[in-house]
């Protein structure tokens, strides 16, 4: 099911997304305005389940593991750990070392160099040369911004706060980078050791 996460993000990051800013699903500052986005960004480590239709494609856990279902839709799940994250925004590699980190400005930088092709503005994932492509999660847990024609419904269960929204969207982004580049163009780490 490698293509599961890629479907939504590829649509959003490569094209076809609305340019309208997403509505905030949490109280507080306007998360669509970079000037009012909160600092100290991180992830909420929670039991999140990310579905494409009725198929469970990704899940995150309270220990920071992100797992991807590698089976085809409708088949029994075959789980593979694709990454491990920490609450303070770090990505941990298979060797147990830090492979990258979420920055205060919402960007994600890899230890080996380079910056991810997206950034967070609050709980919204922003991409494109001018930040014109956005992906967010609405109050019902449905991913918004990656599927304007409504043919694919990607939803998240278990969201609790802005940090859990970032966790879910980051899990999708990691899965997409792995699906596009084999294993994330050499910048993202191999799956962490159990």
Foldseek 3Di string as FASTA:
>chain_A
DLCVLVQQVCLQAVHDFAQDFDADADDDDGLSDLVRFDFQAFAQQDFKFKDWVPHTAWTGHNQFWIWGFPDDPPDDGDIDTLWGADRSAFTAAQVRDTQWGQHRSFWIAGPVGDTQQWGGRQLWIFHDPVRRGIWFAHNQQWIHTRCVVPPITMGMPDDDDSNNSNVVVVSSSQSNCCSVCVRNVPRHHGGHDD
